[in-house]
Amino acid sequence: MAIDPSADVDESATIGDGTRVWHLAQIREDAVLGPNCVIGRGAYIGPAVRVGANVKVQNHALVYEPAVLEDGVFIGPAVVLTNDMYPRAVTPDGRIKGEQDWHAQGVTVRQGAAVGARSVVVAGVTIGRWALIAAGAVVHRDVPDYALMAGVPARRIKWVGRAGVPLTPTGDGSWRCPETGDLFTERDGELTMTAAQPRP
């Protein structure tokens, strides 16, 4: 574990072995970070956020509570994972809103998924396993496993495999990863891995 002296890590946070926290990052109370993570310069991890193993949160990304990042997730520079569906600074009677005035809804990012630079993910969204969110996208609904999403609002433009490269169609609703050789089947807008076949 290596924490830069300029980082602000709450004493109640749990930091896994081998995790590195860089300059000016902030890790809030009761956050849990697994082993071998990298938290970049100026990144923010909110209270009670859960971060798995081997996760990278790049510079100036904002991960608001109660987000969950599973193992192997990549959060690009300046990504924002929001937590308020209907944001307001004040209540209808003009009082400044406090914790009792709203219910935080965290973003969940499943195993191996990657969220590209400056993307925004709306509160309550789940990003599926090994999905890839293109830089600058705005994600407002759940993302299926292996989907490549781009645009504002984000829509699926391709399928990707575990290596992050677009899959090649092989016919009859089947797909192949040119990098790993993994095989997939598409049905009803979802992709399922059917065989892991690394290239010789």
C-alpha atoms as a PDB file:
ATOM      1  CA  MET A   1       0.000   0.000   0.000  1.00  0.00           C
ATOM      2  CA  ALA A   2       1.311   3.461  -0.929  1.00  0.00           C
ATOM      3  CA  ILE A   3      -0.550   6.663  -0.101  1.00  0.00           C
ATOM      4  CA  ASP A   4       0.846  10.015  -1.200  1.00  0.00           C
ATOM      5  CA  PRO A   5       1.179  12.465   1.705  1.00  0.00           C
ATOM      6  CA  SER A   6      -1.083  14.976  -0.073  1.00  0.00           C
ATOM      7  CA  ALA A   7      -3.960  12.470  -0.347  1.00  0.00           C
ATOM      8  CA  ASP A   8      -6.871  12.737   2.098  1.00  0.00           C
ATOM      9  CA  VAL A   9      -7.756   9.219   3.274  1.00  0.00           C
ATOM     10  CA  ASP A  10     -10.281   8.944   6.098  1.00  0.00           C
ATOM     11  CA  GLU A  11      -9.077   6.808   8.994  1.00  0.00           C
ATOM     12  CA  SER A  12     -12.193   4.611   8.714  1.00  0.00           C
ATOM     13  CA  ALA A  13     -11.510   3.741   5.067  1.00  0.00           C
ATOM     14  CA  THR A  14     -10.092   0.307   4.254  1.00  0.00           C
ATOM     15  CA  ILE A  15      -7.245   0.212   1.732  1.00  0.00           C
ATOM     16  CA  GLY A  16      -6.141  -3.167   0.323  1.00  0.00           C
ATOM     17  CA  ASP A  17      -2.583  -4.428   0.031  1.00  0.00           C
ATOM     18  CA  GLY A  18      -0.701  -3.068  -2.946  1.00  0.00           C
ATOM     19  CA  THR A  19      -3.172  -0.238  -3.578  1.00  0.00           C
ATOM     20  CA  ARG A  20      -1.688   3.127  -4.530  1.00  0.00           C
ATOM     21  CA  VAL A  21      -3.396   6.448  -3.831  1.00  0.00           C
ATOM     22  CA  TRP A  22      -1.865   9.372  -5.692  1.00  0.00           C
ATOM     23  CA  HIS A  23      -1.578  13.136  -5.154  1.00  0.00           C
ATOM     24  CA  LEU A  24      -4.615  15.029  -3.852  1.00  0.00           C
ATOM     25  CA  ALA A  25      -6.972  12.046  -4.057  1.00  0.00           C
ATOM     26  CA  GLN A  26      -9.734  11.865  -1.455  1.00  0.00           C
ATOM     27  CA  ILE A  27     -11.025   8.604   0.028  1.00  0.00           C
ATOM     28  CA  ARG A  28     -14.039   9.228   2.273  1.00  0.00           C
ATOM     29  CA  GLU A  29     -15.223   7.505   5.437  1.00  0.00           C
ATOM     30  CA  ASP A  30     -16.033   3.780   5.367  1.00  0.00           C
ATOM     31  CA  ALA A  31     -14.941   3.379   1.737  1.00  0.00           C
ATOM     32  CA  VAL A  32     -13.460  -0.047   1.012  1.00  0.00           C
ATOM     33  CA  LEU A  33     -10.774  -0.481  -1.650  1.00  0.00           C
ATOM     34  CA  GLY A  34      -9.518  -3.945  -2.546  1.00  0.00           C
ATOM     35  CA  PRO A  35      -5.929  -4.960  -3.262  1.00  0.00           C
ATOM     36  CA  ASN A  36      -3.765  -3.668  -6.108  1.00  0.00           C
ATOM     37  CA  CYS A  37      -5.916  -0.678  -7.036  1.00  0.00           C
ATOM     38  CA  VAL A  38      -4.675   2.617  -8.453  1.00  0.00           C
ATOM     39  CA  ILE A  39      -6.456   5.832  -7.437  1.00  0.00           C
ATOM     40  CA  GLY A  40      -5.234   8.704  -9.593  1.00  0.00           C
ATOM     41  CA  ARG A  41      -4.408  12.302  -8.844  1.00  0.00           C
ATOM     42  CA  GLY A  42      -7.394  14.306  -7.611  1.00  0.00           C
ATOM     43  CA  ALA A  43      -9.805  11.357  -7.755  1.00  0.00           C
ATOM     44  CA  TYR A  44     -12.720  11.241  -5.302  1.00  0.00           C
ATOM     45  CA  ILE A  45     -14.098   8.056  -3.702  1.00  0.00           C
ATOM     46  CA  GLY A  46     -17.267   8.789  -1.707  1.00  0.00           C
ATOM     47  CA  PRO A  47     -18.397   7.462   1.691  1.00  0.00           C
ATOM     48  CA  ALA A  48     -18.939   3.691   1.841  1.00  0.00           C
ATOM     49  CA  VAL A  49     -18.114   3.198  -1.850  1.00  0.00           C
ATOM     50  CA  ARG A  50     -17.029  -0.387  -2.541  1.00  0.00           C
ATOM     51  CA  VAL A  51     -14.082  -0.976  -4.870  1.00  0.00           C
ATOM     52  CA  GLY A  52     -12.894  -4.475  -5.788  1.00  0.00           C
ATOM     53  CA  ALA A  53      -9.416  -5.749  -6.638  1.00  0.00           C
ATOM     54  CA  ASN A  54      -7.222  -4.479  -9.492  1.00  0.00           C
ATOM     55  CA  VAL A  55      -9.373  -1.399 -10.152  1.00  0.00           C
ATOM     56  CA  LYS A  56      -8.020   1.771 -11.767  1.00  0.00           C
ATOM     57  CA  VAL A  57      -9.687   5.119 -11.054  1.00  0.00           C
ATOM     58  CA  GLN A  58      -7.913   7.707 -13.167  1.00  0.00           C
ATOM     59  CA  ASN A  59      -7.136  11.366 -12.460  1.00  0.00           C
ATOM     60  CA  HIS A  60      -9.998  13.604 -11.302  1.00  0.00           C
ATOM     61  CA  ALA A  61     -12.692  10.919 -11.582  1.00  0.00           C
ATOM     62  CA  LEU A  62     -15.621  11.361  -9.160  1.00  0.00           C
ATOM     63  CA  VAL A  63     -17.140   8.188  -7.721  1.00  0.00           C
ATOM     64  CA  TYR A  64     -20.109   9.175  -5.560  1.00  0.00           C
ATOM     65  CA  GLU A  65     -21.657   6.955  -2.924  1.00  0.00           C
ATOM     66  CA  PRO A  66     -22.996   4.314  -2.814  1.00  0.00           C
ATOM     67  CA  ALA A  67     -21.229   3.204  -6.000  1.00  0.00           C
ATOM     68  CA  VAL A  68     -19.860  -0.326  -6.404  1.00  0.00           C
ATOM     69  CA  LEU A  69     -16.882  -1.054  -8.676  1.00  0.00           C
ATOM     70  CA  GLU A  70     -16.241  -4.761  -9.109  1.00  0.00           C
ATOM     71  CA  ASP A  71     -12.870  -6.405  -9.789  1.00  0.00           C
ATOM     72  CA  GLY A  72     -10.863  -5.194 -12.759  1.00  0.00           C
ATOM     73  CA  VAL A  73     -12.916  -2.065 -13.469  1.00  0.00           C
ATOM     74  CA  PHE A  74     -11.381   0.936 -15.246  1.00  0.00           C
ATOM     75  CA  ILE A  75     -12.712   4.446 -14.569  1.00  0.00           C
ATOM     76  CA  GLY A  76     -11.170   6.962 -16.968  1.00  0.00           C
ATOM     77  CA  PRO A  77      -9.990  10.505 -16.314  1.00  0.00           C
ATOM     78  CA  ALA A  78     -12.691  12.985 -15.221  1.00  0.00           C
ATOM     79  CA  VAL A  79     -15.483  10.370 -15.270  1.00  0.00           C
ATOM     80  CA  VAL A  80     -18.468  11.208 -13.043  1.00  0.00           C
ATOM     81  CA  LEU A  81     -20.581   8.466 -11.467  1.00  0.00           C
ATOM     82  CA  THR A  82     -23.580  10.419 -10.142  1.00  0.00           C
ATOM     83  CA  ASN A  83     -25.944   9.497  -7.301  1.00  0.00           C
ATOM     84  CA  ASP A  84     -28.938  11.872  -7.425  1.00  0.00           C
ATOM     85  CA  MET A  85     -31.770  11.331  -9.923  1.00  0.00           C
ATOM     86  CA  TYR A  86     -33.447  14.683  -9.206  1.00  0.00           C
ATOM     87  CA  PRO A  87     -30.742  17.084  -8.002  1.00  0.00           C
ATOM     88  CA  ARG A  88     -31.663  20.271  -6.201  1.00  0.00           C
ATOM     89  CA  ALA A  89     -29.661  22.447  -3.820  1.00  0.00           C
ATOM     90  CA  VAL A  90     -32.785  23.372  -1.827  1.00  0.00           C
ATOM     91  CA  THR A  91     -36.119  21.845  -0.850  1.00  0.00           C
ATOM     92  CA  PRO A  92     -39.394  23.297  -2.238  1.00  0.00           C
ATOM     93  CA  ASP A  93     -39.666  25.515   0.866  1.00  0.00           C
ATOM     94  CA  GLY A  94     -36.198  26.968   0.261  1.00  0.00           C
ATOM     95  CA  ARG A  95     -34.161  25.070   2.882  1.00  0.00           C
ATOM     96  CA  ILE A  96     -30.784  23.812   1.805  1.00  0.00           C
ATOM     97  CA  LYS A  97     -31.096  20.066   1.271  1.00  0.00           C
ATOM     98  CA  GLY A  98     -29.463  17.712   3.755  1.00  0.00           C
ATOM     99  CA  GLU A  99     -28.941  13.944   3.809  1.00  0.00           C
ATOM    100  CA  GLN A 100     -32.501  13.404   5.044  1.00  0.00           C
ATOM    101  CA  ASP A 101     -33.953  15.155   1.986  1.00  0.00           C
ATOM    102  CA  TRP A 102     -32.765  12.745  -0.704  1.00  0.00           C
ATOM    103  CA  HIS A 103     -31.950   9.105  -1.343  1.00  0.00           C
ATOM    104  CA  ALA A 104     -28.580   8.376  -2.939  1.00  0.00           C
ATOM    105  CA  GLN A 105     -28.636   5.862  -5.803  1.00  0.00           C
ATOM    106  CA  GLY A 106     -25.212   4.544  -6.673  1.00  0.00           C
ATOM    107  CA  VAL A 107     -23.825   3.353  -9.983  1.00  0.00           C
ATOM    108  CA  THR A 108     -22.702  -0.283 -10.224  1.00  0.00           C
ATOM    109  CA  VAL A 109     -19.883  -1.192 -12.603  1.00  0.00           C
ATOM    110  CA  ARG A 110     -19.521  -4.938 -13.085  1.00  0.00           C
ATOM    111  CA  GLN A 111     -16.335  -6.973 -13.465  1.00  0.00           C
ATOM    112  CA  GLY A 112     -13.858  -5.859 -16.103  1.00  0.00           C
ATOM    113  CA  ALA A 113     -15.945  -3.005 -17.483  1.00  0.00           C
ATOM    114  CA  ALA A 114     -14.329   0.266 -18.551  1.00  0.00           C
ATOM    115  CA  VAL A 115     -15.750   3.797 -18.520  1.00  0.00           C
ATOM    116  CA  GLY A 116     -13.957   6.186 -20.887  1.00  0.00           C
ATOM    117  CA  ALA A 117     -12.663   9.670 -20.134  1.00  0.00           C
ATOM    118  CA  ARG A 118     -15.184  12.401 -19.272  1.00  0.00           C
ATOM    119  CA  SER A 119     -18.156  10.051 -19.407  1.00  0.00           C
ATOM    120  CA  VAL A 120     -21.120  10.652 -17.105  1.00  0.00           C
ATOM    121  CA  VAL A 121     -23.113   7.746 -15.690  1.00  0.00           C
ATOM    122  CA  VAL A 122     -26.518   8.628 -14.253  1.00  0.00           C
ATOM    123  CA  ALA A 123     -27.523   7.524 -10.757  1.00  0.00           C
ATOM    124  CA  GLY A 124     -28.775   3.968 -10.370  1.00  0.00           C
ATOM    125  CA  VAL A 125     -27.351   2.631 -13.643  1.00  0.00           C
ATOM    126  CA  THR A 126     -25.625  -0.766 -13.821  1.00  0.00           C
ATOM    127  CA  ILE A 127     -22.858  -1.270 -16.367  1.00  0.00           C
ATOM    128  CA  GLY A 128     -22.501  -4.928 -17.330  1.00  0.00           C
ATOM    129  CA  ARG A 129     -19.421  -7.139 -17.226  1.00  0.00           C
ATOM    130  CA  TRP A 130     -16.651  -6.269 -19.694  1.00  0.00           C
ATOM    131  CA  ALA A 131     -18.721  -3.471 -21.235  1.00  0.00           C
ATOM    132  CA  LEU A 132     -16.917  -0.445 -22.669  1.00  0.00           C
ATOM    133  CA  ILE A 133     -18.217   3.129 -22.421  1.00  0.00           C
ATOM    134  CA  ALA A 134     -16.700   5.447 -25.032  1.00  0.00           C
ATOM    135  CA  ALA A 135     -15.128   8.745 -24.000  1.00  0.00           C
ATOM    136  CA  GLY A 136     -17.627  11.537 -23.442  1.00  0.00           C
ATOM    137  CA  ALA A 137     -20.718   9.315 -23.354  1.00  0.00           C
ATOM    138  CA  VAL A 138     -23.732   9.987 -21.135  1.00  0.00           C
ATOM    139  CA  VAL A 139     -25.128   6.694 -19.849  1.00  0.00           C
ATOM    140  CA  HIS A 140     -28.709   6.952 -18.588  1.00  0.00           C
ATOM    141  CA  ARG A 141     -29.846   3.324 -18.608  1.00  0.00           C
ATOM    142  CA  ASP A 142     -28.427  -0.097 -17.784  1.00  0.00           C
ATOM    143  CA  VAL A 143     -25.729  -1.455 -20.094  1.00  0.00           C
ATOM    144  CA  PRO A 144     -25.591  -5.140 -21.092  1.00  0.00           C
ATOM    145  CA  ASP A 145     -22.481  -7.278 -20.669  1.00  0.00           C
ATOM    146  CA  TYR A 146     -19.886  -6.778 -23.450  1.00  0.00           C
ATOM    147  CA  ALA A 147     -21.649  -3.738 -24.952  1.00  0.00           C
ATOM    148  CA  LEU A 148     -19.693  -0.868 -26.511  1.00  0.00           C
ATOM    149  CA  MET A 149     -21.701   2.273 -25.764  1.00  0.00           C
ATOM    150  CA  ALA A 150     -21.116   5.709 -27.299  1.00  0.00           C
ATOM    151  CA  GLY A 151     -22.894   9.035 -27.679  1.00  0.00           C
ATOM    152  CA  VAL A 152     -25.261  11.357 -25.842  1.00  0.00           C
ATOM    153  CA  PRO A 153     -27.351   9.605 -24.780  1.00  0.00           C
ATOM    154  CA  ALA A 154     -25.235   6.470 -25.054  1.00  0.00           C
ATOM    155  CA  ARG A 155     -26.374   3.655 -27.310  1.00  0.00           C
ATOM    156  CA  ARG A 156     -24.812   0.327 -28.181  1.00  0.00           C
ATOM    157  CA  ILE A 157     -22.751   0.537 -31.370  1.00  0.00           C
ATOM    158  CA  LYS A 158     -20.823  -2.756 -31.175  1.00  0.00           C
ATOM    159  CA  TRP A 159     -19.992  -5.718 -28.977  1.00  0.00           C
ATOM    160  CA  VAL A 160     -16.560  -6.094 -27.332  1.00  0.00           C
ATOM    161  CA  GLY A 161     -14.784  -8.969 -25.619  1.00  0.00           C
ATOM    162  CA  ARG A 162     -12.635  -9.150 -22.516  1.00  0.00           C
ATOM    163  CA  ALA A 163      -9.739  -7.536 -24.394  1.00  0.00           C
ATOM    164  CA  GLY A 164     -11.883  -4.484 -25.175  1.00  0.00           C
ATOM    165  CA  VAL A 165     -11.634  -4.823 -28.960  1.00  0.00           C
ATOM    166  CA  PRO A 166     -14.754  -5.086 -31.161  1.00  0.00           C
ATOM    167  CA  LEU A 167     -15.989  -8.595 -31.876  1.00  0.00           C
ATOM    168  CA  THR A 168     -16.195 -10.060 -35.376  1.00  0.00           C
ATOM    169  CA  PRO A 169     -19.440 -11.687 -36.522  1.00  0.00           C
ATOM    170  CA  THR A 170     -19.092 -15.338 -37.532  1.00  0.00           C
ATOM    171  CA  GLY A 171     -22.696 -15.845 -38.668  1.00  0.00           C
ATOM    172  CA  ASP A 172     -25.899 -17.199 -37.109  1.00  0.00           C
ATOM    173  CA  GLY A 173     -25.757 -14.709 -34.233  1.00  0.00           C
ATOM    174  CA  SER A 174     -22.267 -15.763 -33.156  1.00  0.00           C
ATOM    175  CA  TRP A 175     -19.273 -13.519 -32.515  1.00  0.00           C
ATOM    176  CA  ARG A 176     -15.527 -14.017 -32.058  1.00  0.00           C
ATOM    177  CA  CYS A 177     -12.906 -11.912 -30.306  1.00  0.00           C
ATOM    178  CA  PRO A 178      -9.974 -11.368 -32.694  1.00  0.00           C
ATOM    179  CA  GLU A 179      -7.652 -10.843 -29.721  1.00  0.00           C
ATOM    180  CA  THR A 180      -8.445 -13.816 -27.461  1.00  0.00           C
ATOM    181  CA  GLY A 181     -10.432 -16.173 -29.672  1.00  0.00           C
ATOM    182  CA  ASP A 182     -13.348 -16.175 -27.213  1.00  0.00           C
ATOM    183  CA  LEU A 183     -16.674 -17.106 -28.810  1.00  0.00           C
ATOM    184  CA  PHE A 184     -20.034 -15.472 -28.032  1.00  0.00           C
ATOM    185  CA  THR A 185     -23.691 -15.915 -28.902  1.00  0.00           C
ATOM    186  CA  GLU A 186     -26.168 -13.039 -29.249  1.00  0.00           C
ATOM    187  CA  ARG A 187     -29.808 -13.513 -28.318  1.00  0.00           C
ATOM    188  CA  ASP A 188     -32.522 -10.945 -27.572  1.00  0.00           C
ATOM    189  CA  GLY A 189     -30.055  -8.066 -27.318  1.00  0.00           C
ATOM    190  CA  GLU A 190     -27.710  -9.856 -24.921  1.00  0.00           C
ATOM    191  CA  LEU A 191     -24.337 -11.478 -25.483  1.00  0.00           C
ATOM    192  CA  THR A 192     -23.151 -14.642 -23.751  1.00  0.00           C
ATOM    193  CA  MET A 193     -19.678 -16.154 -23.871  1.00  0.00           C
ATOM    194  CA  THR A 194     -19.935 -19.714 -25.131  1.00  0.00           C
ATOM    195  CA  ALA A 195     -16.262 -20.704 -25.283  1.00  0.00           C
ATOM    196  CA  ALA A 196     -12.921 -19.253 -24.257  1.00  0.00           C
ATOM    197  CA  GLN A 197     -10.472 -20.306 -26.979  1.00  0.00           C
ATOM    198  CA  PRO A 198      -7.155 -18.457 -26.739  1.00  0.00           C
ATOM    199  CA  ARG A 199      -5.217 -18.236 -29.961  1.00  0.00           C
ATOM    200  CA  PRO A 200      -2.228 -20.611 -30.240  1.00  0.00           C
END
